Amino acid sequence: MQQMIYMKDIVKIYDTGSIKVKALKGIDLEIQGGEFVSIVGPSGSGKSTLMNIAGCLDVPSGGKYVLDGQTVENLEMNELAEIRNKKVGFVFQNFNLLPYATAYENVELPLVFGNVPAKERKERVEMLLNKVGLGDRMKHKPTELSGGEMQRVAIARSLSNNPRLILADEPTGNLDSKSGRGIIKLFEELWKNGSTILMITHDQSIAKRTNRVVMLKDGVIVDSLENGNGNGNNGL
């Protein structure tokens, strides 16, 4: 499969005026299409900064970044937004759902922004909610759903535009252990069907279920370990 992420000597410096903080200190990272990679590390290690750059939510201070064959490190914010909308699906720890919208409407929103015709939107939203096991909860609002169900809605939303890459930031962080296991099983199913997933997690047991673990400390990658978990779709 095509290389999904190529980072070479990625540096990120936050300049507050009185002090400069070097959050990333020369990251080299390659992720192939069809991989399921977890990023682990202590607080302040640079995990979220790396994820934001990977998802084109932020730009590096230096280095080269190629996403799905497209060089992106020097693009303007409107160009990055277009890439995010077309190529990246996001899943956050806090779900980031619209509280007064139904599950259906939350999943539909990216398709509305993408000017997808109504009939196609309806078919896709219903397919995605059924895919994540919420076909009977489409009209429910987030306040009427459990934490695990809200995260399933968020995952369905992340898939709405057929992203090339799924980025998940502590997707089980606000869930009980049973709900968390269900969410990771769903990610595993997506991976086995060919999705490329990059996930931040603090949970070592979850990291072991991905096919590779990248360990970050003080803004540098200190190790990258293969877990040996096979994916029938890509032969890993």
C-alpha atoms as a PDB file:
ATOM      1  CA  MET A   1       0.000   0.000   0.000  1.00  0.00           C
ATOM      2  CA  GLN A   2       1.006   3.629  -0.497  1.00  0.00           C
ATOM      3  CA  GLN A   3       2.874   5.407   2.246  1.00  0.00           C
ATOM      4  CA  MET A   4       0.388   7.435   4.289  1.00  0.00           C
ATOM      5  CA  ILE A   5       2.646   9.505   6.552  1.00  0.00           C
ATOM      6  CA  TYR A   6       6.240  10.559   5.972  1.00  0.00           C
ATOM      7  CA  MET A   7       7.836  12.890   8.503  1.00  0.00           C
ATOM      8  CA  LYS A   8      11.481  13.833   8.393  1.00  0.00           C
ATOM      9  CA  ASP A   9      13.148  15.923  11.113  1.00  0.00           C
ATOM     10  CA  ILE A  10       9.857  17.500  12.228  1.00  0.00           C
ATOM     11  CA  VAL A  11      10.387  20.272  14.785  1.00  0.00           C
ATOM     12  CA  LYS A  12       7.713  22.254  16.598  1.00  0.00           C
ATOM     13  CA  ILE A  13       8.551  25.326  18.673  1.00  0.00           C
ATOM     14  CA  TYR A  14       5.951  27.293  20.618  1.00  0.00           C
ATOM     15  CA  ASP A  15       7.003  30.900  21.089  1.00  0.00           C
ATOM     16  CA  THR A  16       5.144  32.603  23.937  1.00  0.00           C
ATOM     17  CA  GLY A  17       7.203  35.768  23.608  1.00  0.00           C
ATOM     18  CA  SER A  18       9.151  35.421  26.809  1.00  0.00           C
ATOM     19  CA  ILE A  19      10.041  31.768  26.333  1.00  0.00           C
ATOM     20  CA  LYS A  20      10.359  29.252  23.520  1.00  0.00           C
ATOM     21  CA  VAL A  21       9.223  25.671  24.103  1.00  0.00           C
ATOM     22  CA  LYS A  22      10.515  22.967  21.761  1.00  0.00           C
ATOM     23  CA  ALA A  23       7.687  20.431  21.783  1.00  0.00           C
ATOM     24  CA  LEU A  24       9.066  18.224  18.983  1.00  0.00           C
ATOM     25  CA  LYS A  25      12.792  17.850  18.442  1.00  0.00           C
ATOM     26  CA  GLY A  26      13.344  16.173  15.090  1.00  0.00           C
ATOM     27  CA  ILE A  27      10.675  13.528  14.543  1.00  0.00           C
ATOM     28  CA  ASP A  28      11.228  10.889  11.860  1.00  0.00           C
ATOM     29  CA  LEU A  29       8.095   8.809  11.314  1.00  0.00           C
ATOM     30  CA  GLU A  30       6.764   6.682   8.459  1.00  0.00           C
ATOM     31  CA  ILE A  31       3.351   5.024   8.432  1.00  0.00           C
ATOM     32  CA  GLN A  32       2.210   2.858   5.553  1.00  0.00           C
ATOM     33  CA  GLY A  33      -1.355   2.681   4.303  1.00  0.00           C
ATOM     34  CA  GLY A  34      -3.263   0.041   6.256  1.00  0.00           C
ATOM     35  CA  GLU A  35      -1.230   0.306   9.466  1.00  0.00           C
ATOM     36  CA  PHE A  36      -2.742   0.696  12.940  1.00  0.00           C
ATOM     37  CA  VAL A  37      -0.165   2.633  14.973  1.00  0.00           C
ATOM     38  CA  SER A  38      -0.388   3.822  18.563  1.00  0.00           C
ATOM     39  CA  ILE A  39       1.613   6.661  20.085  1.00  0.00           C
ATOM     40  CA  VAL A  40       2.398   6.382  23.771  1.00  0.00           C
ATOM     41  CA  GLY A  41       4.380   8.536  26.154  1.00  0.00           C
ATOM     42  CA  PRO A  42       4.138  10.571  29.366  1.00  0.00           C
ATOM     43  CA  SER A  43       2.329  13.900  29.620  1.00  0.00           C
ATOM     44  CA  GLY A  44       4.333  16.626  27.921  1.00  0.00           C
ATOM     45  CA  SER A  45       6.111  14.197  25.602  1.00  0.00           C
ATOM     46  CA  GLY A  46       4.684  15.823  22.458  1.00  0.00           C
ATOM     47  CA  LYS A  47       1.951  13.299  21.583  1.00  0.00           C
ATOM     48  CA  SER A  48      -0.812  15.833  20.983  1.00  0.00           C
ATOM     49  CA  THR A  49       1.518  18.163  19.087  1.00  0.00           C
ATOM     50  CA  LEU A  50       2.528  15.299  16.814  1.00  0.00           C
ATOM     51  CA  MET A  51      -1.120  14.345  16.291  1.00  0.00           C
ATOM     52  CA  ASN A  52      -2.080  17.930  15.448  1.00  0.00           C
ATOM     53  CA  ILE A  53       0.640  18.125  12.808  1.00  0.00           C
ATOM     54  CA  ALA A  54      -0.265  14.696  11.425  1.00  0.00           C
ATOM     55  CA  GLY A  55      -3.880  15.829  11.043  1.00  0.00           C
ATOM     56  CA  CYS A  56      -2.976  19.203   9.497  1.00  0.00           C
ATOM     57  CA  LEU A  57      -4.447  21.051  12.482  1.00  0.00           C
ATOM     58  CA  ASP A  58      -1.058  22.690  12.958  1.00  0.00           C
ATOM     59  CA  VAL A  59       2.134  23.173  10.970  1.00  0.00           C
ATOM     60  CA  PRO A  60       5.679  22.252  11.982  1.00  0.00           C
ATOM     61  CA  SER A  61       8.338  24.860  12.679  1.00  0.00           C
ATOM     62  CA  GLY A  62      10.755  22.838  10.586  1.00  0.00           C
ATOM     63  CA  GLY A  63      11.121  19.560   8.746  1.00  0.00           C
ATOM     64  CA  LYS A  64       9.283  17.768   5.938  1.00  0.00           C
ATOM     65  CA  TYR A  65       5.794  16.251   6.101  1.00  0.00           C
ATOM     66  CA  VAL A  66       4.172  14.297   3.270  1.00  0.00           C
ATOM     67  CA  LEU A  67       0.591  13.102   3.813  1.00  0.00           C
ATOM     68  CA  ASP A  68      -0.729  10.528   1.354  1.00  0.00           C
ATOM     69  CA  GLY A  69       1.734  11.676  -1.290  1.00  0.00           C
ATOM     70  CA  GLN A  70       1.148  15.402  -0.776  1.00  0.00           C
ATOM     71  CA  THR A  71       3.751  17.700   0.782  1.00  0.00           C
ATOM     72  CA  VAL A  72       1.920  19.765   3.390  1.00  0.00           C
ATOM     73  CA  GLU A  73       4.384  21.432   5.774  1.00  0.00           C
ATOM     74  CA  ASN A  74       4.308  24.803   3.984  1.00  0.00           C
ATOM     75  CA  LEU A  75       0.617  25.014   3.072  1.00  0.00           C
ATOM     76  CA  GLU A  76      -1.672  27.842   4.143  1.00  0.00           C
ATOM     77  CA  MET A  77      -4.390  27.185   6.728  1.00  0.00           C
ATOM     78  CA  ASN A  78      -7.194  27.149   4.127  1.00  0.00           C
ATOM     79  CA  GLU A  79      -5.270  24.564   2.103  1.00  0.00           C
ATOM     80  CA  LEU A  80      -4.730  22.472   5.234  1.00  0.00           C
ATOM     81  CA  ALA A  81      -8.454  22.679   5.991  1.00  0.00           C
ATOM     82  CA  GLU A  82      -9.254  21.281   2.562  1.00  0.00           C
ATOM     83  CA  ILE A  83      -6.864  18.372   3.105  1.00  0.00           C
ATOM     84  CA  ARG A  84      -8.364  17.673   6.551  1.00  0.00           C
ATOM     85  CA  ASN A  85     -11.870  17.584   5.105  1.00  0.00           C
ATOM     86  CA  LYS A  86     -10.893  15.221   2.303  1.00  0.00           C
ATOM     87  CA  LYS A  87      -8.286  12.945   3.842  1.00  0.00           C
ATOM     88  CA  VAL A  88      -8.524  12.863   7.645  1.00  0.00           C
ATOM     89  CA  GLY A  89     -11.141  11.647  10.092  1.00  0.00           C
ATOM     90  CA  PHE A  90     -10.806  12.732  13.743  1.00  0.00           C
ATOM     91  CA  VAL A  91     -11.961  10.956  16.904  1.00  0.00           C
ATOM     92  CA  PHE A  92     -11.471  12.844  20.180  1.00  0.00           C
ATOM     93  CA  GLN A  93     -11.512  11.852  23.840  1.00  0.00           C
ATOM     94  CA  ASN A  94     -14.403  14.236  24.555  1.00  0.00           C
ATOM     95  CA  PHE A  95     -16.426  13.128  21.495  1.00  0.00           C
ATOM     96  CA  ASN A  96     -16.944  16.738  20.265  1.00  0.00           C
ATOM     97  CA  LEU A  97     -20.559  16.086  19.290  1.00  0.00           C
ATOM     98  CA  LEU A  98     -23.135  18.849  18.841  1.00  0.00           C
ATOM     99  CA  PRO A  99     -25.251  18.454  22.014  1.00  0.00           C
ATOM    100  CA  TYR A 100     -28.603  19.495  20.505  1.00  0.00           C
ATOM    101  CA  ALA A 101     -28.234  17.489  17.299  1.00  0.00           C
ATOM    102  CA  THR A 102     -29.236  13.855  16.900  1.00  0.00           C
ATOM    103  CA  ALA A 103     -26.744  11.094  16.194  1.00  0.00           C
ATOM    104  CA  TYR A 104     -27.923  11.213  12.578  1.00  0.00           C
ATOM    105  CA  GLU A 105     -27.372  14.979  12.336  1.00  0.00           C
ATOM    106  CA  ASN A 106     -23.926  14.786  13.932  1.00  0.00           C
ATOM    107  CA  VAL A 107     -22.775  12.217  11.383  1.00  0.00           C
ATOM    108  CA  GLU A 108     -24.433  14.095   8.526  1.00  0.00           C
ATOM    109  CA  LEU A 109     -22.750  17.438   9.255  1.00  0.00           C
ATOM    110  CA  PRO A 110     -19.440  16.858   7.387  1.00  0.00           C
ATOM    111  CA  LEU A 111     -21.433  15.682   4.376  1.00  0.00           C
ATOM    112  CA  VAL A 112     -23.533  18.863   4.466  1.00  0.00           C
ATOM    113  CA  PHE A 113     -20.339  20.946   4.512  1.00  0.00           C
ATOM    114  CA  GLY A 114     -19.070  18.813   1.630  1.00  0.00           C
ATOM    115  CA  ASN A 115     -22.192  19.605  -0.433  1.00  0.00           C
ATOM    116  CA  VAL A 116     -23.096  15.925  -0.754  1.00  0.00           C
ATOM    117  CA  PRO A 117     -26.615  15.525  -2.232  1.00  0.00           C
ATOM    118  CA  ALA A 118     -29.396  14.776   0.284  1.00  0.00           C
ATOM    119  CA  LYS A 119     -30.195  11.280  -0.988  1.00  0.00           C
ATOM    120  CA  GLU A 120     -26.537  10.248  -0.887  1.00  0.00           C
ATOM    121  CA  ARG A 121     -26.155  11.800   2.578  1.00  0.00           C
ATOM    122  CA  LYS A 122     -29.085   9.811   3.918  1.00  0.00           C
ATOM    123  CA  GLU A 123     -27.781   6.523   2.540  1.00  0.00           C
ATOM    124  CA  ARG A 124     -24.279   7.116   3.882  1.00  0.00           C
ATOM    125  CA  VAL A 125     -25.322   8.284   7.352  1.00  0.00           C
ATOM    126  CA  GLU A 126     -27.635   5.316   7.825  1.00  0.00           C
ATOM    127  CA  MET A 127     -24.954   2.923   6.581  1.00  0.00           C
ATOM    128  CA  LEU A 128     -22.339   4.358   8.962  1.00  0.00           C
ATOM    129  CA  LEU A 129     -24.583   4.345  12.027  1.00  0.00           C
ATOM    130  CA  ASN A 130     -25.548   0.762  11.294  1.00  0.00           C
ATOM    131  CA  LYS A 131     -21.858  -0.054  10.856  1.00  0.00           C
ATOM    132  CA  VAL A 132     -21.071   1.165  14.377  1.00  0.00           C
ATOM    133  CA  GLY A 133     -24.098  -0.613  15.852  1.00  0.00           C
ATOM    134  CA  LEU A 134     -26.346   2.420  16.329  1.00  0.00           C
ATOM    135  CA  GLY A 135     -28.927   1.914  13.622  1.00  0.00           C
ATOM    136  CA  ASP A 136     -31.667   2.035  16.262  1.00  0.00           C
ATOM    137  CA  ARG A 137     -30.309   5.189  17.967  1.00  0.00           C
ATOM    138  CA  MET A 138     -30.173   7.588  15.012  1.00  0.00           C
ATOM    139  CA  LYS A 139     -32.714  10.029  16.459  1.00  0.00           C
ATOM    140  CA  HIS A 140     -31.145  10.147  19.909  1.00  0.00           C
ATOM    141  CA  LYS A 141     -29.189  13.186  21.084  1.00  0.00           C
ATOM    142  CA  PRO A 142     -25.849  12.857  22.909  1.00  0.00           C
ATOM    143  CA  THR A 143     -27.530  13.381  26.303  1.00  0.00           C
ATOM    144  CA  GLU A 144     -29.624  10.282  25.574  1.00  0.00           C
ATOM    145  CA  LEU A 145     -26.612   8.125  24.742  1.00  0.00           C
ATOM    146  CA  SER A 146     -23.975   6.395  26.858  1.00  0.00           C
ATOM    147  CA  GLY A 147     -20.318   7.369  26.617  1.00  0.00           C
ATOM    148  CA  GLY A 148     -19.569   4.361  24.443  1.00  0.00           C
ATOM    149  CA  GLU A 149     -22.479   5.193  22.145  1.00  0.00           C
ATOM    150  CA  MET A 150     -21.356   8.816  21.847  1.00  0.00           C
ATOM    151  CA  GLN A 151     -17.895   7.653  20.816  1.00  0.00           C
ATOM    152  CA  ARG A 152     -19.447   5.344  18.228  1.00  0.00           C
ATOM    153  CA  VAL A 153     -21.308   8.329  16.789  1.00  0.00           C
ATOM    154  CA  ALA A 154     -18.006  10.229  16.699  1.00  0.00           C
ATOM    155  CA  ILE A 155     -16.342   7.338  14.862  1.00  0.00           C
ATOM    156  CA  ALA A 156     -19.202   7.183  12.354  1.00  0.00           C
ATOM    157  CA  ARG A 157     -18.820  10.933  11.807  1.00  0.00           C
ATOM    158  CA  SER A 158     -15.062  10.525  11.295  1.00  0.00           C
ATOM    159  CA  LEU A 159     -15.783   8.038   8.494  1.00  0.00           C
ATOM    160  CA  SER A 160     -18.379  10.153   6.708  1.00  0.00           C
ATOM    161  CA  ASN A 161     -16.061  11.531   4.020  1.00  0.00           C
ATOM    162  CA  ASN A 162     -14.172   8.257   3.402  1.00  0.00           C
ATOM    163  CA  PRO A 163     -10.940   9.517   5.014  1.00  0.00           C
ATOM    164  CA  ARG A 164      -7.586   8.102   4.000  1.00  0.00           C
ATOM    165  CA  LEU A 165      -6.393   8.416   7.623  1.00  0.00           C
ATOM    166  CA  ILE A 166      -8.182   8.144  10.978  1.00  0.00           C
ATOM    167  CA  LEU A 167      -6.617  10.025  13.910  1.00  0.00           C
ATOM    168  CA  ALA A 168      -7.835   9.068  17.376  1.00  0.00           C
ATOM    169  CA  ASP A 169      -6.758  11.055  20.443  1.00  0.00           C
ATOM    170  CA  GLU A 170      -7.315   8.968  23.609  1.00  0.00           C
ATOM    171  CA  PRO A 171     -10.595   7.587  22.190  1.00  0.00           C
ATOM    172  CA  THR A 172     -11.250   5.470  25.308  1.00  0.00           C
ATOM    173  CA  GLY A 173     -10.044   8.054  27.841  1.00  0.00           C
ATOM    174  CA  ASN A 174     -13.539   8.997  29.072  1.00  0.00           C
ATOM    175  CA  LEU A 175     -15.059   5.518  28.884  1.00  0.00           C
ATOM    176  CA  ASP A 176     -15.440   2.670  31.338  1.00  0.00           C
ATOM    177  CA  SER A 177     -13.394  -0.435  30.592  1.00  0.00           C
ATOM    178  CA  LYS A 178     -16.241  -2.353  28.922  1.00  0.00           C
ATOM    179  CA  SER A 179     -17.150   0.532  26.606  1.00  0.00           C
ATOM    180  CA  GLY A 180     -13.465   1.104  25.897  1.00  0.00           C
ATOM    181  CA  ARG A 181     -12.996  -2.514  24.812  1.00  0.00           C
ATOM    182  CA  GLY A 182     -15.950  -2.154  22.463  1.00  0.00           C
ATOM    183  CA  ILE A 183     -14.468   0.963  20.870  1.00  0.00           C
ATOM    184  CA  ILE A 184     -11.073  -0.663  20.349  1.00  0.00           C
ATOM    185  CA  LYS A 185     -12.767  -3.699  18.808  1.00  0.00           C
ATOM    186  CA  LEU A 186     -14.492  -1.328  16.388  1.00  0.00           C
ATOM    187  CA  PHE A 187     -11.152   0.256  15.482  1.00  0.00           C
ATOM    188  CA  GLU A 188      -9.711  -3.216  14.922  1.00  0.00           C
ATOM    189  CA  GLU A 189     -12.560  -4.011  12.534  1.00  0.00           C
ATOM    190  CA  LEU A 190     -11.952  -0.787  10.624  1.00  0.00           C
ATOM    191  CA  TRP A 191      -8.244  -1.615  10.420  1.00  0.00           C
ATOM    192  CA  LYS A 192      -8.896  -5.130   9.159  1.00  0.00           C
ATOM    193  CA  ASN A 193     -11.054  -3.588   6.440  1.00  0.00           C
ATOM    194  CA  GLY A 194      -8.153  -1.461   5.256  1.00  0.00           C
ATOM    195  CA  SER A 195      -8.291   1.765   7.306  1.00  0.00           C
ATOM    196  CA  THR A 196      -5.080   3.504   8.345  1.00  0.00           C
ATOM    197  CA  ILE A 197      -5.294   4.521  12.008  1.00  0.00           C
ATOM    198  CA  LEU A 198      -2.980   6.590  14.199  1.00  0.00           C
ATOM    199  CA  MET A 199      -4.023   6.613  17.843  1.00  0.00           C
ATOM    200  CA  ILE A 200      -2.764   8.296  20.999  1.00  0.00           C
ATOM    201  CA  THR A 201      -3.330   6.208  24.099  1.00  0.00           C
ATOM    202  CA  HIS A 202      -2.007   6.044  27.658  1.00  0.00           C
ATOM    203  CA  ASP A 203      -3.290   2.460  28.024  1.00  0.00           C
ATOM    204  CA  GLN A 204      -0.582  -0.115  27.319  1.00  0.00           C
ATOM    205  CA  SER A 205      -3.133  -2.913  26.923  1.00  0.00           C
ATOM    206  CA  ILE A 206      -4.780  -0.948  24.095  1.00  0.00           C
ATOM    207  CA  ALA A 207      -1.441  -0.076  22.504  1.00  0.00           C
ATOM    208  CA  LYS A 208      -0.603  -3.785  22.346  1.00  0.00           C
ATOM    209  CA  ARG A 209      -3.645  -4.357  20.141  1.00  0.00           C
ATOM    210  CA  THR A 210      -2.261  -2.089  17.426  1.00  0.00           C
ATOM    211  CA  ASN A 211       0.311  -3.426  14.999  1.00  0.00           C
ATOM    212  CA  ARG A 212       3.005  -0.910  15.982  1.00  0.00           C
ATOM    213  CA  VAL A 213       3.738   1.194  19.074  1.00  0.00           C
ATOM    214  CA  VAL A 214       5.693   4.444  18.769  1.00  0.00           C
ATOM    215  CA  MET A 215       7.094   5.680  22.076  1.00  0.00           C
ATOM    216  CA  LEU A 216       7.579   9.408  22.530  1.00  0.00           C
ATOM    217  CA  LYS A 217       9.533  11.124  25.299  1.00  0.00           C
ATOM    218  CA  ASP A 218      10.595  14.766  25.617  1.00  0.00           C
ATOM    219  CA  GLY A 219       9.708  15.498  22.004  1.00  0.00           C
ATOM    220  CA  VAL A 220      11.650  12.637  20.425  1.00  0.00           C
ATOM    221  CA  ILE A 221      10.791   9.092  19.372  1.00  0.00           C
ATOM    222  CA  VAL A 222      12.686   6.769  21.687  1.00  0.00           C
ATOM    223  CA  ASP A 223      11.414   3.450  20.318  1.00  0.00           C
ATOM    224  CA  SER A 224       9.121   1.855  17.748  1.00  0.00           C
ATOM    225  CA  LEU A 225       7.968  -1.689  18.397  1.00  0.00           C
ATOM    226  CA  GLU A 226       6.128  -4.118  16.142  1.00  0.00           C
ATOM    227  CA  ASN A 227       3.383  -5.988  17.968  1.00  0.00           C
ATOM    228  CA  GLY A 228       3.037  -8.729  15.391  1.00  0.00           C
ATOM    229  CA  ASN A 229      -0.719  -8.286  15.107  1.00  0.00           C
ATOM    230  CA  GLY A 230      -1.595  -9.283  11.564  1.00  0.00           C
ATOM    231  CA  ASN A 231      -4.061  -7.555   9.279  1.00  0.00           C
ATOM    232  CA  GLY A 232      -5.449  -9.877   6.680  1.00  0.00           C
ATOM    233  CA  ASN A 233      -6.118  -6.963   4.342  1.00  0.00           C
ATOM    234  CA  ASN A 234      -2.559  -5.703   4.013  1.00  0.00           C
ATOM    235  CA  GLY A 235      -0.454  -8.681   4.991  1.00  0.00           C
ATOM    236  CA  LEU A 236       1.229  -7.055   7.983  1.00  0.00           C
END
